[in-house]
Protein backbone atom coordinates (compact mmCIF):
# COMPACT_ATOMS: atom_id res chain seq x y z
CA MET A 1 94.60 57.22 149.49
CA ILE A 2 91.70 59.63 148.98
CA TYR A 3 94.14 62.33 147.90
CA ASN A 4 95.62 60.06 145.22
CA ILE A 5 92.19 58.98 144.00
CA VAL A 6 91.14 62.62 143.60
CA LEU A 7 94.42 63.54 141.89
CA ILE A 8 94.19 60.66 139.42
CA SER A 9 90.52 61.38 138.69
CA VAL A 10 91.31 65.04 138.01
CA GLY A 11 94.10 63.97 135.66
CA LEU A 12 91.73 61.77 133.67
CA ILE A 13 89.24 64.61 133.33
CA LEU A 14 92.00 66.97 132.21
CA SER A 15 93.14 64.37 129.70
CA ILE A 16 89.77 64.60 127.94
CA ILE A 17 90.01 68.40 127.94
CA LEU A 18 93.62 68.59 126.74
CA TYR A 19 93.19 65.87 124.11
CA PHE A 20 89.59 66.44 123.12
CA ARG A 21 90.05 66.83 119.34
CA PHE A 22 92.81 66.28 116.85
CA PRO A 23 92.20 68.75 113.99
CA LEU A 24 93.00 67.40 110.52
CA LEU A 25 93.60 69.33 107.32
CA ALA A 26 90.66 70.02 105.02
CA LYS A 27 89.95 67.90 101.97
CA LYS A 28 91.84 68.81 98.84
CA GLU A 29 90.06 71.31 96.62
CA ASN A 30 90.70 72.43 93.05
CA ILE A 31 93.03 75.37 93.68
CA GLU A 32 95.66 74.68 91.03
CA GLY A 33 97.24 77.92 89.85
CA LYS A 34 95.54 80.09 92.47
CA TYR A 35 98.71 80.57 94.52
CA LYS A 36 102.43 80.54 93.86
CA VAL A 37 103.91 78.34 96.58
CA SER A 38 107.55 78.75 97.60
CA VAL A 39 108.79 75.82 99.68
CA ILE A 40 111.65 76.75 102.01
CA ILE A 41 113.71 74.02 103.68
CA PRO A 42 116.40 74.94 106.23
CA ALA A 43 118.98 72.15 106.15
CA ARG A 44 121.97 71.56 108.38
CA ASN A 45 123.64 68.16 108.05
CA GLU A 46 120.53 66.58 106.51
CA GLU A 47 122.06 64.39 103.81
CA LYS A 48 120.18 61.34 105.13
CA THR A 49 116.73 62.90 105.50
CA LEU A 50 116.55 65.58 102.82
CA PRO A 51 116.42 63.22 99.78
CA PHE A 52 113.13 61.71 101.01
CA LEU A 53 111.43 65.10 101.40
CA LEU A 54 112.65 66.31 98.01
CA SER A 55 111.36 63.10 96.44
CA ASP A 56 107.97 63.74 98.04
CA LEU A 57 107.92 67.28 96.64
CA ASN A 58 108.71 65.97 93.17
CA ASN A 59 105.78 63.58 93.40
CA THR A 60 103.20 65.98 94.80
CA ASP A 61 100.04 66.44 92.76
CA MET A 62 100.34 70.23 93.00
CA ILE A 63 102.69 72.35 90.92
CA LEU A 64 105.11 74.24 93.16
CA HIS A 65 106.43 77.65 92.23
CA GLU A 66 109.90 76.90 93.64
CA VAL A 67 111.75 74.78 96.17
CA ILE A 68 114.44 76.65 98.10
CA CYS A 69 116.92 74.72 100.21
CA VAL A 70 119.07 76.72 102.61
CA ASN A 71 122.33 74.95 103.36
CA ASP A 72 123.04 76.10 106.89
CA SER A 73 126.82 75.56 107.09
CA SER A 74 126.50 71.79 106.74
CA THR A 75 129.57 69.64 107.24
CA ASP A 76 128.17 66.62 105.42
CA ASN A 77 126.90 66.06 101.87
CA THR A 78 123.76 68.21 102.20
CA LYS A 79 124.84 70.70 99.53
CA GLN A 80 125.33 68.00 96.92
CA VAL A 81 121.93 66.50 97.72
CA ILE A 82 120.35 69.89 97.03
CA LEU A 83 122.20 70.30 93.75
CA ASP A 84 121.38 66.77 92.62
CA ASN A 85 117.67 67.52 93.04
CA ASN A 86 117.76 70.76 91.04
CA CYS A 87 116.53 72.90 93.92
CA ILE A 88 117.39 76.54 94.47
CA LEU A 89 120.47 76.51 96.71
CA ILE A 90 121.16 79.24 99.23
CA GLU A 91 124.34 79.04 101.25
CA VAL A 92 124.33 80.41 104.79
CA SER A 93 127.62 80.76 106.61
CA ASP A 94 127.39 84.21 108.19
CA LYS A 95 124.76 83.66 110.86
CA PRO A 96 124.82 86.53 113.40
CA ASP A 97 125.63 85.55 116.97
CA ASN A 98 122.25 86.66 118.29
CA TRP A 99 120.32 84.35 115.96
CA LEU A 100 119.63 80.89 117.41
CA GLY A 101 118.63 77.65 115.72
CA LYS A 102 117.28 77.63 112.18
CA SER A 103 115.68 81.10 112.20
CA TRP A 104 118.47 82.74 110.20
CA ALA A 105 118.30 80.06 107.50
CA CYS A 106 114.52 80.44 107.30
CA GLN A 107 114.80 84.21 107.08
CA LYS A 108 117.35 84.08 104.25
CA GLY A 109 115.23 81.55 102.39
CA ALA A 110 112.14 83.74 102.73
CA GLU A 111 114.02 86.79 101.46
CA SER A 112 114.85 84.91 98.26
CA ALA A 113 111.36 83.51 97.75
CA THR A 114 109.24 84.92 94.90
CA GLY A 115 105.97 83.13 95.64
CA ASP A 116 102.98 84.63 97.42
CA ILE A 117 102.74 81.67 99.84
CA LEU A 118 105.71 80.50 101.92
CA LEU A 119 105.80 76.91 103.12
CA PHE A 120 108.55 76.20 105.66
CA LEU A 121 109.36 72.51 106.03
CA ASP A 122 111.90 70.77 108.23
CA ALA A 123 114.17 68.43 106.31
CA ASP A 124 112.91 65.33 108.13
CA VAL A 125 109.27 65.92 107.13
CA ARG A 126 107.49 63.54 104.76
CA ILE A 127 104.45 64.62 102.73
CA ASN A 128 102.13 62.36 100.78
CA LYS A 129 100.89 63.14 97.29
CA GLN A 130 97.94 65.25 98.46
CA GLY A 131 99.63 66.85 101.46
CA ILE A 132 100.57 70.22 99.99
CA ALA A 133 97.24 70.55 98.18
CA LYS A 134 95.50 69.98 101.52
CA LEU A 135 97.67 72.61 103.18
CA ILE A 136 96.82 75.14 100.49
CA SER A 137 93.14 74.18 100.56
CA GLN A 138 93.09 74.78 104.30
CA TYR A 139 94.75 78.14 103.82
CA ASP A 140 92.29 79.05 101.07
CA ARG A 141 89.41 78.21 103.37
CA ASP A 142 90.66 79.97 106.51
CA LYS A 143 92.93 82.71 105.14
CA SER A 144 95.14 82.18 108.19
CA VAL A 145 98.60 80.86 108.94
CA ILE A 146 98.57 77.04 108.96
CA SER A 147 100.91 74.96 111.09
CA VAL A 148 101.04 71.17 111.41
CA GLN A 149 102.58 68.79 113.91
CA PRO A 150 103.55 65.78 111.74
CA TYR A 151 102.61 62.21 112.60
CA HIS A 152 105.67 60.63 114.24
CA LYS A 153 106.78 57.51 112.37
CA MET A 154 109.34 55.38 114.19
CA GLU A 155 111.38 52.42 113.05
CA LYS A 156 113.48 51.39 116.05
CA ILE A 157 112.46 50.46 119.58
CA TYR A 158 114.45 53.23 121.29
CA GLU A 159 112.53 55.87 119.31
CA GLN A 160 109.54 55.04 121.51
CA LEU A 161 111.34 57.06 124.20
CA SER A 162 109.83 60.15 122.55
CA PHE A 163 106.38 58.93 123.65
CA PHE A 164 105.52 61.50 126.30
CA PHE A 165 107.46 64.30 124.63
CA ASN A 166 105.23 64.01 121.58
CA ILE A 167 102.04 63.78 123.61
CA VAL A 168 102.91 66.73 125.85
CA ALA A 169 103.97 68.80 122.83
CA ILE A 170 100.44 68.44 121.41
CA GLY A 171 98.67 69.00 124.71
CA GLY A 172 100.96 71.73 126.01
CA ASN A 173 100.54 73.78 122.86
CA GLY A 174 96.77 73.53 123.04
CA ALA A 175 96.40 71.92 119.62
CA ALA A 176 93.89 69.32 120.88
CA TYR A 177 92.35 71.54 123.57
CA ALA A 178 88.59 71.24 124.07
CA PHE A 179 88.11 74.97 124.15
CA LYS A 180 88.73 77.45 121.39
CA ASP A 181 92.08 79.07 122.04
CA GLY A 182 94.78 77.46 124.11
CA SER A 183 97.80 77.48 121.84
CA ALA A 184 101.15 78.98 122.78
CA GLY A 185 102.44 79.21 119.21
CA LEU A 186 103.11 77.30 116.01
CA PHE A 187 104.58 73.88 115.29
CA GLY A 188 108.03 74.27 113.73
CA PRO A 189 108.19 71.39 111.23
CA VAL A 190 105.41 72.74 108.96
CA ILE A 191 104.45 76.42 108.72
CA LEU A 192 102.46 77.86 105.82
CA ILE A 193 102.09 81.63 105.72
CA SER A 194 101.38 84.23 103.06
CA LYS A 195 104.39 86.36 102.19
CA LYS A 196 102.29 89.41 103.07
CA ASP A 197 101.67 88.14 106.61
CA TYR A 198 105.26 86.98 106.94
CA ILE A 199 106.56 90.47 106.15
CA ALA A 200 103.90 92.14 108.34
CA SER A 201 104.90 89.98 111.32
CA GLY A 202 108.61 90.66 110.86
CA GLY A 203 109.35 87.15 109.66
CA HIS A 204 111.84 85.21 111.74
CA HIS A 205 113.33 88.39 113.20
CA GLY A 206 110.87 88.15 116.08
CA ALA A 207 112.12 84.65 116.88
CA LYS A 208 115.84 85.09 116.36
CA GLU A 209 116.78 84.76 120.05
CA PHE A 210 114.55 81.75 120.76
CA ILE A 211 115.42 78.07 120.50
CA LEU A 212 111.73 77.38 119.84
CA GLU A 213 111.22 79.82 117.01
CA ASP A 214 107.84 78.27 116.23
CA LEU A 215 106.31 79.27 119.57
CA ALA A 216 107.91 82.71 119.37
CA ILE A 217 106.54 83.34 115.87
CA GLY A 218 103.08 82.29 117.03
CA GLN A 219 103.21 84.82 119.84
CA VAL A 220 104.28 87.55 117.44
CA LEU A 221 101.43 86.67 115.08
CA ARG A 222 98.96 86.82 117.95
CA ALA A 223 100.29 90.22 119.03
CA ARG A 224 99.93 91.53 115.46
CA GLY A 225 96.39 90.21 115.13
CA ILE A 226 97.31 87.63 112.47
CA LYS A 227 95.27 84.43 112.82
CA TYR A 228 96.82 80.99 112.84
CA LYS A 229 95.48 77.46 113.16
CA LEU A 230 97.11 74.25 114.34
CA PHE A 231 96.62 70.76 112.92
CA VAL A 232 97.99 67.24 113.27
CA GLY A 233 99.44 65.53 110.23
CA GLU A 234 98.15 61.96 110.59
CA LYS A 235 98.31 60.28 107.13
CA ASP A 236 99.16 63.41 105.15
CA ILE A 237 102.28 64.75 106.85
CA SER A 238 104.75 62.79 108.97
CA PHE A 239 108.34 62.79 110.17
CA ARG A 240 110.88 60.56 111.80
CA MET A 241 112.17 62.59 114.73
CA TYR A 242 115.51 61.94 116.40
CA GLY A 243 115.89 58.54 114.78
CA GLN A 244 119.67 58.17 114.83
CA ASN A 245 120.29 57.10 118.44
CA ILE A 246 119.27 57.64 122.07
CA GLN A 247 121.80 60.46 122.48
CA GLN A 248 120.08 62.41 119.71
CA ILE A 249 116.73 61.92 121.47
CA ILE A 250 118.15 63.26 124.73
CA GLU A 251 119.90 66.23 123.09
CA GLY A 252 116.91 67.09 120.91
CA TRP A 253 114.34 67.13 123.69
CA THR A 254 116.73 68.74 126.18
CA LYS A 255 117.14 71.78 123.96
CA ASN A 256 113.37 72.13 123.56
CA TYR A 257 111.45 71.23 126.64
CA ALA A 258 112.25 73.72 129.40
CA SER A 259 111.92 76.57 126.91
CA GLY A 260 108.64 75.19 125.64
CA ALA A 261 107.22 74.87 129.15
CA SER A 262 108.16 78.47 129.96
CA MET A 263 106.28 79.73 126.87
CA ALA A 264 103.07 77.74 127.43
CA LYS A 265 99.90 79.50 128.51
CA PRO A 266 99.64 79.39 132.33
CA VAL A 267 96.31 77.53 132.37
CA ILE A 268 97.52 74.94 129.84
CA PHE A 269 100.82 74.57 131.71
CA LEU A 270 98.98 73.91 134.98
CA MET A 271 96.64 71.40 133.34
CA THR A 272 99.53 69.61 131.66
CA PHE A 273 101.47 69.54 134.93
CA LEU A 274 98.52 67.97 136.72
CA TRP A 275 98.05 65.51 133.83
CA VAL A 276 101.66 64.34 134.18
CA THR A 277 101.39 64.25 137.98
CA SER A 278 98.25 62.11 137.74
CA LEU A 279 100.00 59.60 135.51
CA CYS A 280 102.95 59.44 137.90
CA ALA A 281 100.65 59.01 140.91
CA THR A 282 98.84 56.18 139.14
CA ALA A 283 102.08 54.35 138.37
CA VAL A 284 103.51 54.77 141.88
CA ASN A 285 100.31 53.65 143.61
CA PHE A 286 99.83 50.74 141.21
CA ILE A 287 103.31 49.43 141.95
CA THR A 288 103.23 50.02 145.73
CA SER A 289 99.79 48.45 146.07
CA TRP A 290 101.07 45.21 144.58
CA VAL A 291 104.22 45.35 146.69
CA SER A 292 102.14 45.74 149.87
CA LEU A 293 99.52 43.26 148.63
CA ASP A 294 96.73 45.49 149.88
CA PRO A 295 93.62 44.08 148.07
CA VAL A 296 91.61 47.32 148.20
CA LYS A 297 94.45 49.40 146.84
CA ILE A 298 95.25 46.76 144.23
CA MET A 299 91.67 46.84 142.95
CA ILE A 300 91.46 50.67 142.89
CA PHE A 301 94.83 51.52 141.41
CA THR A 302 94.93 48.64 138.95
CA THR A 303 91.61 49.92 137.61
CA PHE A 304 93.03 53.41 137.27
CA TYR A 305 96.17 52.02 135.62
CA ILE A 306 94.11 50.14 133.01
CA ILE A 307 92.00 53.23 132.31
CA TRP A 308 95.16 55.26 131.72
CA ILE A 309 96.50 52.61 129.33
CA PHE A 310 93.40 52.91 127.15
CA GLU A 311 93.51 56.71 127.38
CA LEU A 312 97.16 56.77 126.27
CA ILE A 313 96.34 54.42 123.39
CA ARG A 314 93.53 56.76 122.32
CA ILE A 315 95.84 59.78 122.32
CA SER A 316 98.99 58.23 120.94
CA LYS A 317 97.43 56.61 117.87
CA LYS A 318 96.60 60.11 116.62
CA ILE A 319 100.15 61.41 116.85
CA GLY A 320 102.49 58.53 116.02
CA ASN A 321 102.94 54.80 115.47
CA PHE A 322 103.56 54.19 119.15
CA SER A 323 103.33 50.63 120.38
CA VAL A 324 100.54 49.38 122.64
CA LEU A 325 103.33 47.94 124.80
CA THR A 326 104.66 51.48 125.24
CA CYS A 327 101.28 52.47 126.67
CA ILE A 328 101.15 49.39 128.90
CA PHE A 329 104.64 50.03 130.30
CA TYR A 330 104.22 53.79 130.30
CA PRO A 331 105.96 54.33 133.71
CA VAL A 332 109.31 53.52 132.07
CA PHE A 333 108.77 56.17 129.41
CA MET A 334 107.37 58.62 131.95
CA LEU A 335 110.52 58.25 134.03
CA PHE A 336 112.67 59.01 130.97
CA PHE A 337 110.49 62.02 130.17
CA VAL A 338 110.75 63.45 133.69
CA MET A 339 114.52 62.95 133.85
CA VAL A 340 115.16 64.67 130.51
CA PHE A 341 112.72 67.47 131.38
CA LEU A 342 114.47 68.15 134.70
CA PHE A 343 117.83 68.04 132.92
CA SER A 344 116.49 70.60 130.44
CA VAL A 345 115.23 72.82 133.27
CA PHE A 346 118.61 72.57 135.01
CA LYS A 347 120.44 73.66 131.87
CA LYS A 348 118.02 76.50 131.25
CA ILE A 349 118.24 77.86 134.80
CA PHE A 350 122.02 77.80 134.86
CA LYS A 351 122.33 78.85 131.20
CA ILE A 352 124.37 75.80 130.23
CA ARG A 353 124.72 75.43 126.49
CA VAL A 354 123.32 72.47 124.61
CA THR A 355 125.03 70.83 121.64
CA TRP A 356 122.81 70.34 118.60
CA LYS A 357 124.01 69.46 115.10
CA GLY A 358 127.53 70.49 115.95
CA ARG A 359 126.57 73.86 117.43
CA LYS A 360 126.55 75.08 121.00
CA ILE A 361 123.24 76.81 121.63
């Protein structure tokens, strides 16, 4: 029992360190006309999500230089959506075999861009009226690459299954880390970079063989001495991730998680591993103490369980509209997380391909 008490206590301490701060974008400043912003949106089979983002861009309170949509061999109505919204259309159908994911589409979009600032957005991102102005204001203040993990907005109950994936993505990438530099790389949904820095870093060429091109680009930037900063979107920038069905949730996180874990900084990986282990130990001991009806264990581990519920509520409210009930019944969502993570590790070790948006990757 002492071992479990120590393990759980360590996990709670690490939780404060890993999720110490949630950096938000700076307030909007008067920077109209100072930069020419080229928005680049890689889109593959995004006919359902893309119209919302393009509507947001039309309503932004900042004048954009251009909006470039790269139709990445879509088999649905994505191309027509792009044309209907009067965006610059780039067709991509010749992706080289050694380019994975959306990197080729991003690279082709960047090559066509004429602005001095490139803003890469995933098609499922939503931006409020001041969102882009805040991004540019942050860039103007820091003169560094800016990347944002959007606030996860969910509509259906099964989307809550992304609970721990979202939390670990923030913690594992060091975005909320108590100390100065713990990040492994960028967040893929929102990346703002000057064209000068993009060219100097080699663009998406350095990430062409990685599923998680965002982490790979961050590592290239670090190696080239180009600064970047990470933020959370909260009210300004959001997305609805893997909202179609449970299968999409499983496929989406399976393709990401083992690769992401392998690219994390060793210290952050170890801390995150212990954080997850502590949560698991709390759940197991809470349940077994009530099964055995041991009053001492019930008192100790129920207390720990309640503390973890409040800690998960504190963290989750910063990153998505997760339910309090999800925090209360977190062992169910932890079990799902562990199973998908192990499945992802299995596929990575044995180099089994994953299907995503009609492609084997």
